[in-house]
Amino acid sequence: MSFNGVDLSRLRTKKGHTAQCACLVDAKGNRTMRPWLSSAVRLQASELRTEDFKGAKWLLMRYAYFNMDLIQMAVKIAKQEGMSVSIDLASFEV
């Protein structure tokens, strides 16, 4: 991503496994996906910092609907920073 000019200076990582997904396909081609978001779901509202949002234009929310504190804090900071907010209502179970 850095190679393409993406600023990763505010990127934070957590110890743990990355997300995985098992794709199950039956003989007729019907499929279902069983995701495991693992470390991606461990972010807490208390970990968000205003500095993380500086200079951004959009907040894209995905897969956080089980943590309302996180959603509310992220939207609050985004609005304080004059950002637009987009919420993806798709379930990670789809």
PDB file of N, CA and C in Angstrom:
ATOM      1  N   MET A   1       0.816  -1.178   0.000  1.00  0.00           N
ATOM      2  CA  MET A   1       0.000   0.000   0.000  1.00  0.00           C
ATOM      3  C   MET A   1       0.869   1.255   0.000  1.00  0.00           C
ATOM      4  N   SER A   2       1.943   1.230   0.764  1.00  0.00           N
ATOM      5  CA  SER A   2       2.842   2.386   0.781  1.00  0.00           C
ATOM      6  C   SER A   2       3.371   2.676  -0.612  1.00  0.00           C
ATOM      7  N   PHE A   3       3.643   1.626  -1.357  1.00  0.00           N
ATOM      8  CA  PHE A   3       4.158   1.760  -2.716  1.00  0.00           C
ATOM      9  C   PHE A   3       3.212   2.587  -3.583  1.00  0.00           C
ATOM     10  N   ASN A   4       1.919   2.506  -3.300  1.00  0.00           N
ATOM     11  CA  ASN A   4       0.908   3.237  -4.064  1.00  0.00           C
ATOM     12  C   ASN A   4       0.512   4.556  -3.412  1.00  0.00           C
ATOM     13  N   GLY A   5       1.310   5.016  -2.462  1.00  0.00           N
ATOM     14  CA  GLY A   5       1.084   6.325  -1.873  1.00  0.00           C
ATOM     15  C   GLY A   5       0.124   6.366  -0.703  1.00  0.00           C
ATOM     16  N   VAL A   6      -0.240   5.216  -0.164  1.00  0.00           N
ATOM     17  CA  VAL A   6      -1.145   5.190   0.984  1.00  0.00           C
ATOM     18  C   VAL A   6      -0.330   5.467   2.249  1.00  0.00           C
ATOM     19  N   ASP A   7      -0.776   6.434   3.041  1.00  0.00           N
ATOM     20  CA  ASP A   7      -0.103   6.799   4.288  1.00  0.00           C
ATOM     21  C   ASP A   7      -0.477   5.794   5.372  1.00  0.00           C
ATOM     22  N   LEU A   8       0.488   5.018   5.809  1.00  0.00           N
ATOM     23  CA  LEU A   8       0.250   3.999   6.832  1.00  0.00           C
ATOM     24  C   LEU A   8       0.808   4.410   8.190  1.00  0.00           C
ATOM     25  N   SER A   9       1.135   5.681   8.349  1.00  0.00           N
ATOM     26  CA  SER A   9       1.791   6.130   9.575  1.00  0.00           C
ATOM     27  C   SER A   9       0.920   5.955  10.821  1.00  0.00           C
ATOM     28  N   ARG A  10      -0.386   5.896  10.667  1.00  0.00           N
ATOM     29  CA  ARG A  10      -1.271   5.735  11.825  1.00  0.00           C
ATOM     30  C   ARG A  10      -1.796   4.312  11.968  1.00  0.00           C
ATOM     31  N   LEU A  11      -1.282   3.414  11.173  1.00  0.00           N
ATOM     32  CA  LEU A  11      -1.722   2.022  11.236  1.00  0.00           C
ATOM     33  C   LEU A  11      -1.296   1.402  12.562  1.00  0.00           C
ATOM     34  N   ARG A  12      -2.230   0.736  13.211  1.00  0.00           N
ATOM     35  CA  ARG A  12      -1.937  -0.007  14.430  1.00  0.00           C
ATOM     36  C   ARG A  12      -2.334  -1.452  14.211  1.00  0.00           C
ATOM     37  N   THR A  13      -1.600  -2.343  14.788  1.00  0.00           N
ATOM     38  CA  THR A  13      -1.921  -3.762  14.666  1.00  0.00           C
ATOM     39  C   THR A  13      -2.089  -4.351  16.065  1.00  0.00           C
ATOM     40  N   LYS A  14      -2.757  -5.475  16.110  1.00  0.00           N
ATOM     41  CA  LYS A  14      -2.920  -6.208  17.358  1.00  0.00           C
ATOM     42  C   LYS A  14      -2.348  -7.601  17.161  1.00  0.00           C
ATOM     43  N   LYS A  15      -1.808  -8.133  18.219  1.00  0.00           N
ATOM     44  CA  LYS A  15      -1.309  -9.502  18.143  1.00  0.00           C
ATOM     45  C   LYS A  15      -2.492 -10.449  17.966  1.00  0.00           C
ATOM     46  N   GLY A  16      -2.290 -11.441  17.161  1.00  0.00           N
ATOM     47  CA  GLY A  16      -3.348 -12.419  16.941  1.00  0.00           C
ATOM     48  C   GLY A  16      -3.419 -12.803  15.481  1.00  0.00           C
ATOM     49  N   HIS A  17      -4.328 -13.674  15.193  1.00  0.00           N
ATOM     50  CA  HIS A  17      -4.495 -14.176  13.839  1.00  0.00           C
ATOM     51  C   HIS A  17      -5.277 -13.192  12.984  1.00  0.00           C
ATOM     52  N   THR A  18      -5.034 -13.220  11.690  1.00  0.00           N
ATOM     53  CA  THR A  18      -5.835 -12.425  10.768  1.00  0.00           C
ATOM     54  C   THR A  18      -7.143 -13.162  10.504  1.00  0.00           C
ATOM     55  N   ALA A  19      -8.071 -12.461   9.905  1.00  0.00           N
ATOM     56  CA  ALA A  19      -9.375 -13.059   9.625  1.00  0.00           C
ATOM     57  C   ALA A  19      -9.238 -14.221   8.642  1.00  0.00           C
ATOM     58  N   GLN A  20     -10.163 -15.140   8.749  1.00  0.00           N
ATOM     59  CA  GLN A  20     -10.208 -16.291   7.855  1.00  0.00           C
ATOM     60  C   GLN A  20     -11.642 -16.497   7.405  1.00  0.00           C
ATOM     61  N   CYS A  21     -11.812 -17.206   6.308  1.00  0.00           N
ATOM     62  CA  CYS A  21     -13.160 -17.478   5.823  1.00  0.00           C
ATOM     63  C   CYS A  21     -13.183 -18.848   5.146  1.00  0.00           C
ATOM     64  N   ALA A  22     -14.120 -19.679   5.569  1.00  0.00           N
ATOM     65  CA  ALA A  22     -14.327 -20.969   4.915  1.00  0.00           C
ATOM     66  C   ALA A  22     -15.487 -20.811   3.939  1.00  0.00           C
ATOM     67  N   CYS A  23     -15.263 -21.158   2.689  1.00  0.00           N
ATOM     68  CA  CYS A  23     -16.305 -21.094   1.657  1.00  0.00           C
ATOM     69  C   CYS A  23     -16.794 -22.510   1.398  1.00  0.00           C
ATOM     70  N   LEU A  24     -18.079 -22.731   1.630  1.00  0.00           N
ATOM     71  CA  LEU A  24     -18.673 -24.050   1.452  1.00  0.00           C
ATOM     72  C   LEU A  24     -19.566 -24.020   0.220  1.00  0.00           C
ATOM     73  N   VAL A  25     -19.319 -24.937  -0.713  1.00  0.00           N
ATOM     74  CA  VAL A  25     -20.070 -24.971  -1.969  1.00  0.00           C
ATOM     75  C   VAL A  25     -20.651 -26.370  -2.139  1.00  0.00           C
ATOM     76  N   ASP A  26     -21.971 -26.442  -2.414  1.00  0.00           N
ATOM     77  CA  ASP A  26     -22.583 -27.751  -2.625  1.00  0.00           C
ATOM     78  C   ASP A  26     -22.518 -28.136  -4.105  1.00  0.00           C
ATOM     79  N   ALA A  27     -23.042 -29.310  -4.427  1.00  0.00           N
ATOM     80  CA  ALA A  27     -22.967 -29.840  -5.794  1.00  0.00           C
ATOM     81  C   ALA A  27     -23.697 -28.963  -6.811  1.00  0.00           C
ATOM     82  N   LYS A  28     -24.678 -28.188  -6.373  1.00  0.00           N
ATOM     83  CA  LYS A  28     -25.427 -27.311  -7.281  1.00  0.00           C
ATOM     84  C   LYS A  28     -24.795 -25.928  -7.420  1.00  0.00           C
ATOM     85  N   GLY A  29     -23.712 -25.715  -6.723  1.00  0.00           N
ATOM     86  CA  GLY A  29     -23.045 -24.420  -6.810  1.00  0.00           C
ATOM     87  C   GLY A  29     -23.501 -23.408  -5.781  1.00  0.00           C
ATOM     88  N   ASN A  30     -24.431 -23.802  -4.921  1.00  0.00           N
ATOM     89  CA  ASN A  30     -24.844 -22.902  -3.842  1.00  0.00           C
ATOM     90  C   ASN A  30     -23.688 -22.758  -2.868  1.00  0.00           C
ATOM     91  N   ARG A  31     -23.505 -21.569  -2.371  1.00  0.00           N
ATOM     92  CA  ARG A  31     -22.379 -21.379  -1.476  1.00  0.00           C
ATOM     93  C   ARG A  31     -22.793 -20.636  -0.217  1.00  0.00           C
ATOM     94  N   THR A  32     -22.049 -20.875   0.813  1.00  0.00           N
ATOM     95  CA  THR A  32     -22.166 -20.111   2.047  1.00  0.00           C
ATOM     96  C   THR A  32     -20.757 -19.849   2.540  1.00  0.00           C
ATOM     97  N   MET A  33     -20.609 -18.783   3.264  1.00  0.00           N
ATOM     98  CA  MET A  33     -19.292 -18.415   3.765  1.00  0.00           C
ATOM     99  C   MET A  33     -19.366 -18.323   5.283  1.00  0.00           C
ATOM    100  N   ARG A  34     -18.375 -18.861   5.941  1.00  0.00           N
ATOM    101  CA  ARG A  34     -18.308 -18.845   7.401  1.00  0.00           C
ATOM    102  C   ARG A  34     -17.060 -18.072   7.815  1.00  0.00           C
ATOM    103  N   PRO A  35     -17.192 -16.773   8.027  1.00  0.00           N
ATOM    104  CA  PRO A  35     -16.030 -15.963   8.381  1.00  0.00           C
ATOM    105  C   PRO A  35     -15.700 -16.035   9.868  1.00  0.00           C
ATOM    106  N   TRP A  36     -14.450 -15.807  10.151  1.00  0.00           N
ATOM    107  CA  TRP A  36     -13.963 -15.653  11.517  1.00  0.00           C
ATOM    108  C   TRP A  36     -13.119 -14.397  11.502  1.00  0.00           C
ATOM    109  N   LEU A  37     -13.634 -13.322  12.080  1.00  0.00           N
ATOM    110  CA  LEU A  37     -12.974 -12.026  11.987  1.00  0.00           C
ATOM    111  C   LEU A  37     -11.790 -11.899  12.927  1.00  0.00           C
ATOM    112  N   SER A  38     -11.687 -12.688  13.919  1.00  0.00           N
ATOM    113  CA  SER A  38     -10.602 -12.760  14.887  1.00  0.00           C
ATOM    114  C   SER A  38     -10.170 -11.388  15.379  1.00  0.00           C
ATOM    115  N   SER A  39      -8.923 -11.017  15.165  1.00  0.00           N
ATOM    116  CA  SER A  39      -8.368  -9.777  15.712  1.00  0.00           C
ATOM    117  C   SER A  39      -9.085  -8.532  15.219  1.00  0.00           C
ATOM    118  N   ALA A  40      -9.723  -8.616  14.079  1.00  0.00           N
ATOM    119  CA  ALA A  40     -10.397  -7.450  13.503  1.00  0.00           C
ATOM    120  C   ALA A  40     -11.525  -6.940  14.383  1.00  0.00           C
ATOM    121  N   VAL A  41     -12.051  -7.764  15.266  1.00  0.00           N
ATOM    122  CA  VAL A  41     -13.196  -7.362  16.080  1.00  0.00           C
ATOM    123  C   VAL A  41     -12.807  -6.957  17.501  1.00  0.00           C
ATOM    124  N   ARG A  42     -11.547  -6.890  17.795  1.00  0.00           N
ATOM    125  CA  ARG A  42     -11.138  -6.598  19.165  1.00  0.00           C
ATOM    126  C   ARG A  42     -10.893  -5.123  19.451  1.00  0.00           C
ATOM    127  N   LEU A  43     -11.061  -4.256  18.478  1.00  0.00           N
ATOM    128  CA  LEU A  43     -10.876  -2.829  18.707  1.00  0.00           C
ATOM    129  C   LEU A  43     -11.948  -2.322  19.664  1.00  0.00           C
ATOM    130  N   GLN A  44     -11.536  -1.547  20.643  1.00  0.00           N
ATOM    131  CA  GLN A  44     -12.454  -0.992  21.630  1.00  0.00           C
ATOM    132  C   GLN A  44     -12.559   0.520  21.461  1.00  0.00           C
ATOM    133  N   ALA A  45     -13.685   1.090  21.857  1.00  0.00           N
ATOM    134  CA  ALA A  45     -13.916   2.533  21.731  1.00  0.00           C
ATOM    135  C   ALA A  45     -12.817   3.333  22.420  1.00  0.00           C
ATOM    136  N   SER A  46     -12.339   2.856  23.541  1.00  0.00           N
ATOM    137  CA  SER A  46     -11.304   3.568  24.302  1.00  0.00           C
ATOM    138  C   SER A  46      -9.975   3.659  23.554  1.00  0.00           C
ATOM    139  N   GLU A  47      -9.796   2.849  22.528  1.00  0.00           N
ATOM    140  CA  GLU A  47      -8.554   2.860  21.752  1.00  0.00           C
ATOM    141  C   GLU A  47      -8.563   3.880  20.619  1.00  0.00           C
ATOM    142  N   LEU A  48      -9.728   4.435  20.297  1.00  0.00           N
ATOM    143  CA  LEU A  48      -9.812   5.415  19.216  1.00  0.00           C
ATOM    144  C   LEU A  48      -9.230   6.743  19.682  1.00  0.00           C
ATOM    145  N   ARG A  49      -8.465   7.380  18.799  1.00  0.00           N
ATOM    146  CA  ARG A  49      -7.870   8.679  19.097  1.00  0.00           C
ATOM    147  C   ARG A  49      -8.248   9.653  17.996  1.00  0.00           C
ATOM    148  N   THR A  50      -8.452  10.887  18.358  1.00  0.00           N
ATOM    149  CA  THR A  50      -8.771  11.923  17.378  1.00  0.00           C
ATOM    150  C   THR A  50      -7.700  11.971  16.294  1.00  0.00           C
ATOM    151  N   GLU A  51      -6.453  11.777  16.675  1.00  0.00           N
ATOM    152  CA  GLU A  51      -5.346  11.804  15.710  1.00  0.00           C
ATOM    153  C   GLU A  51      -5.515  10.758  14.607  1.00  0.00           C
ATOM    154  N   ASP A  52      -6.192   9.659  14.924  1.00  0.00           N
ATOM    155  CA  ASP A  52      -6.413   8.600  13.934  1.00  0.00           C
ATOM    156  C   ASP A  52      -7.298   9.078  12.787  1.00  0.00           C
ATOM    157  N   PHE A  53      -8.080  10.115  13.027  1.00  0.00           N
ATOM    158  CA  PHE A  53      -9.060  10.593  12.053  1.00  0.00           C
ATOM    159  C   PHE A  53      -8.596  11.847  11.311  1.00  0.00           C
ATOM    160  N   LYS A  54      -7.523  12.472  11.776  1.00  0.00           N
ATOM    161  CA  LYS A  54      -7.053  13.733  11.194  1.00  0.00           C
ATOM    162  C   LYS A  54      -6.758  13.577   9.708  1.00  0.00           C
ATOM    163  N   GLY A  55      -7.293  14.495   8.921  1.00  0.00           N
ATOM    164  CA  GLY A  55      -7.025  14.516   7.487  1.00  0.00           C
ATOM    165  C   GLY A  55      -7.880  13.576   6.661  1.00  0.00           C
ATOM    166  N   ALA A  56      -8.656  12.723   7.320  1.00  0.00           N
ATOM    167  CA  ALA A  56      -9.515  11.783   6.584  1.00  0.00           C
ATOM    168  C   ALA A  56     -10.794  12.489   6.153  1.00  0.00           C
ATOM    169  N   LYS A  57     -11.365  12.023   5.060  1.00  0.00           N
ATOM    170  CA  LYS A  57     -12.619  12.582   4.560  1.00  0.00           C
ATOM    171  C   LYS A  57     -13.813  11.693   4.879  1.00  0.00           C
ATOM    172  N   TRP A  58     -13.570  10.398   4.989  1.00  0.00           N
ATOM    173  CA  TRP A  58     -14.655   9.433   5.188  1.00  0.00           C
ATOM    174  C   TRP A  58     -14.321   8.474   6.324  1.00  0.00           C
ATOM    175  N   LEU A  59     -15.349   8.086   7.062  1.00  0.00           N
ATOM    176  CA  LEU A  59     -15.278   6.969   7.994  1.00  0.00           C
ATOM    177  C   LEU A  59     -16.151   5.875   7.403  1.00  0.00           C
ATOM    178  N   LEU A  60     -15.555   4.732   7.103  1.00  0.00           N
ATOM    179  CA  LEU A  60     -16.289   3.593   6.544  1.00  0.00           C
ATOM    180  C   LEU A  60     -16.418   2.545   7.641  1.00  0.00           C
ATOM    181  N   MET A  61     -17.627   2.335   8.108  1.00  0.00           N
ATOM    182  CA  MET A  61     -17.880   1.395   9.199  1.00  0.00           C
ATOM    183  C   MET A  61     -18.340   0.061   8.629  1.00  0.00           C
ATOM    184  N   ARG A  62     -17.645  -1.012   9.039  1.00  0.00           N
ATOM    185  CA  ARG A  62     -18.020  -2.358   8.619  1.00  0.00           C
ATOM    186  C   ARG A  62     -17.817  -3.313   9.782  1.00  0.00           C
ATOM    187  N   TYR A  63     -18.716  -4.231   9.942  1.00  0.00           N
ATOM    188  CA  TYR A  63     -18.571  -5.350  10.874  1.00  0.00           C
ATOM    189  C   TYR A  63     -18.376  -4.936  12.329  1.00  0.00           C
ATOM    190  N   ALA A  64     -18.910  -3.813  12.741  1.00  0.00           N
ATOM    191  CA  ALA A  64     -18.717  -3.381  14.124  1.00  0.00           C
ATOM    192  C   ALA A  64     -20.030  -3.330  14.889  1.00  0.00           C
ATOM    193  N   TYR A  65     -21.082  -3.894  14.343  1.00  0.00           N
ATOM    194  CA  TYR A  65     -22.414  -3.684  14.895  1.00  0.00           C
ATOM    195  C   TYR A  65     -22.646  -4.370  16.227  1.00  0.00           C
ATOM    196  N   PHE A  66     -21.778  -5.226  16.639  1.00  0.00           N
ATOM    197  CA  PHE A  66     -21.891  -5.892  17.923  1.00  0.00           C
ATOM    198  C   PHE A  66     -21.271  -5.042  19.025  1.00  0.00           C
ATOM    199  N   ASN A  67     -20.646  -3.903  18.669  1.00  0.00           N
ATOM    200  CA  ASN A  67     -19.973  -3.043  19.645  1.00  0.00           C
ATOM    201  C   ASN A  67     -20.468  -1.606  19.473  1.00  0.00           C
ATOM    202  N   MET A  68     -21.603  -1.303  20.084  1.00  0.00           N
ATOM    203  CA  MET A  68     -22.207   0.023  19.922  1.00  0.00           C
ATOM    204  C   MET A  68     -21.332   1.139  20.479  1.00  0.00           C
ATOM    205  N   ASP A  69     -20.573   0.864  21.533  1.00  0.00           N
ATOM    206  CA  ASP A  69     -19.670   1.889  22.073  1.00  0.00           C
ATOM    207  C   ASP A  69     -18.644   2.306  21.026  1.00  0.00           C
ATOM    208  N   LEU A  70     -18.128   1.331  20.296  1.00  0.00           N
ATOM    209  CA  LEU A  70     -17.147   1.613  19.244  1.00  0.00           C
ATOM    210  C   LEU A  70     -17.774   2.448  18.131  1.00  0.00           C
ATOM    211  N   ILE A  71     -18.965   2.065  17.708  1.00  0.00           N
ATOM    212  CA  ILE A  71     -19.652   2.806  16.643  1.00  0.00           C
ATOM    213  C   ILE A  71     -19.905   4.247  17.072  1.00  0.00           C
ATOM    214  N   GLN A  72     -20.455   4.417  18.257  1.00  0.00           N
ATOM    215  CA  GLN A  72     -20.791   5.762  18.724  1.00  0.00           C
ATOM    216  C   GLN A  72     -19.558   6.644  18.851  1.00  0.00           C
ATOM    217  N   MET A  73     -18.468   6.103  19.369  1.00  0.00           N
ATOM    218  CA  MET A  73     -17.248   6.889  19.516  1.00  0.00           C
ATOM    219  C   MET A  73     -16.652   7.238  18.156  1.00  0.00           C
ATOM    220  N   ALA A  74     -16.622   6.286  17.249  1.00  0.00           N
ATOM    221  CA  ALA A  74     -16.057   6.538  15.920  1.00  0.00           C
ATOM    222  C   ALA A  74     -16.854   7.605  15.179  1.00  0.00           C
ATOM    223  N   VAL A  75     -18.172   7.515  15.240  1.00  0.00           N
ATOM    224  CA  VAL A  75     -19.021   8.505  14.565  1.00  0.00           C
ATOM    225  C   VAL A  75     -18.863   9.873  15.227  1.00  0.00           C
ATOM    226  N   LYS A  76     -18.785   9.906  16.538  1.00  0.00           N
ATOM    227  CA  LYS A  76     -18.604  11.174  17.259  1.00  0.00           C
ATOM    228  C   LYS A  76     -17.315  11.864  16.820  1.00  0.00           C
ATOM    229  N   ILE A  77     -16.219  11.126  16.801  1.00  0.00           N
ATOM    230  CA  ILE A  77     -14.938  11.713  16.394  1.00  0.00           C
ATOM    231  C   ILE A  77     -14.989  12.131  14.933  1.00  0.00           C
ATOM    232  N   ALA A  78     -15.561  11.286  14.091  1.00  0.00           N
ATOM    233  CA  ALA A  78     -15.649  11.605  12.658  1.00  0.00           C
ATOM    234  C   ALA A  78     -16.413  12.907  12.443  1.00  0.00           C
ATOM    235  N   LYS A  79     -17.518  13.066  13.135  1.00  0.00           N
ATOM    236  CA  LYS A  79     -18.319  14.289  12.988  1.00  0.00           C
ATOM    237  C   LYS A  79     -17.552  15.506  13.504  1.00  0.00           C
ATOM    238  N   GLN A  80     -16.814  15.355  14.611  1.00  0.00           N
ATOM    239  CA  GLN A  80     -15.994  16.450  15.130  1.00  0.00           C
ATOM    240  C   GLN A  80     -14.934  16.878  14.116  1.00  0.00           C
ATOM    241  N   GLU A  81     -14.468  15.923  13.335  1.00  0.00           N
ATOM    242  CA  GLU A  81     -13.434  16.194  12.336  1.00  0.00           C
ATOM    243  C   GLU A  81     -14.018  16.583  10.988  1.00  0.00           C
ATOM    244  N   GLY A  82     -15.350  16.695  10.896  1.00  0.00           N
ATOM    245  CA  GLY A  82     -15.996  17.113   9.653  1.00  0.00           C
ATOM    246  C   GLY A  82     -16.022  16.048   8.573  1.00  0.00           C
ATOM    247  N   MET A  83     -15.941  14.792   8.975  1.00  0.00           N
ATOM    248  CA  MET A  83     -15.918  13.684   8.028  1.00  0.00           C
ATOM    249  C   MET A  83     -17.327  13.233   7.673  1.00  0.00           C
ATOM    250  N   SER A  84     -17.467  12.624   6.514  1.00  0.00           N
ATOM    251  CA  SER A  84     -18.694  11.924   6.144  1.00  0.00           C
ATOM    252  C   SER A  84     -18.602  10.509   6.692  1.00  0.00           C
ATOM    253  N   VAL A  85     -19.756   9.914   6.987  1.00  0.00           N
ATOM    254  CA  VAL A  85     -19.792   8.570   7.566  1.00  0.00           C
ATOM    255  C   VAL A  85     -20.592   7.652   6.661  1.00  0.00           C
ATOM    256  N   SER A  86     -20.035   6.485   6.363  1.00  0.00           N
ATOM    257  CA  SER A  86     -20.714   5.461   5.574  1.00  0.00           C
ATOM    258  C   SER A  86     -20.785   4.195   6.417  1.00  0.00           C
ATOM    259  N   ILE A  87     -21.968   3.620   6.509  1.00  0.00           N
ATOM    260  CA  ILE A  87     -22.138   2.393   7.282  1.00  0.00           C
ATOM    261  C   ILE A  87     -22.565   1.276   6.345  1.00  0.00           C
ATOM    262  N   ASP A  88     -21.777   0.202   6.313  1.00  0.00           N
ATOM    263  CA  ASP A  88     -22.078  -0.974   5.505  1.00  0.00           C
ATOM    264  C   ASP A  88     -22.964  -1.887   6.341  1.00  0.00           C
ATOM    265  N   LEU A  89     -24.210  -2.051   5.930  1.00  0.00           N
ATOM    266  CA  LEU A  89     -25.156  -2.844   6.710  1.00  0.00           C
ATOM    267  C   LEU A  89     -25.083  -4.334   6.425  1.00  0.00           C
ATOM    268  N   ALA A  90     -24.196  -4.746   5.545  1.00  0.00           N
ATOM    269  CA  ALA A  90     -24.051  -6.173   5.259  1.00  0.00           C
ATOM    270  C   ALA A  90     -23.523  -6.885   6.498  1.00  0.00           C
ATOM    271  N   SER A  91     -23.997  -8.067   6.707  1.00  0.00           N
ATOM    272  CA  SER A  91     -23.540  -8.878   7.818  1.00  0.00           C
ATOM    273  C   SER A  91     -22.286  -9.630   7.411  1.00  0.00           C
ATOM    274  N   PHE A  92     -21.373  -9.818   8.362  1.00  0.00           N
ATOM    275  CA  PHE A  92     -20.193 -10.628   8.067  1.00  0.00           C
ATOM    276  C   PHE A  92     -20.565 -12.094   7.936  1.00  0.00           C
ATOM    277  N   GLU A  93     -21.811 -12.427   8.193  1.00  0.00           N
ATOM    278  CA  GLU A  93     -22.304 -13.791   8.034  1.00  0.00           C
ATOM    279  C   GLU A  93     -22.865 -14.048   6.642  1.00  0.00           C
ATOM    280  N   VAL A  94     -22.915 -13.025   5.775  1.00  0.00           N
ATOM    281  CA  VAL A  94     -23.491 -13.185   4.435  1.00  0.00           C
ATOM    282  C   VAL A  94     -22.468 -13.829   3.533  1.00  0.00           C
TER     283      VAL A  94
END
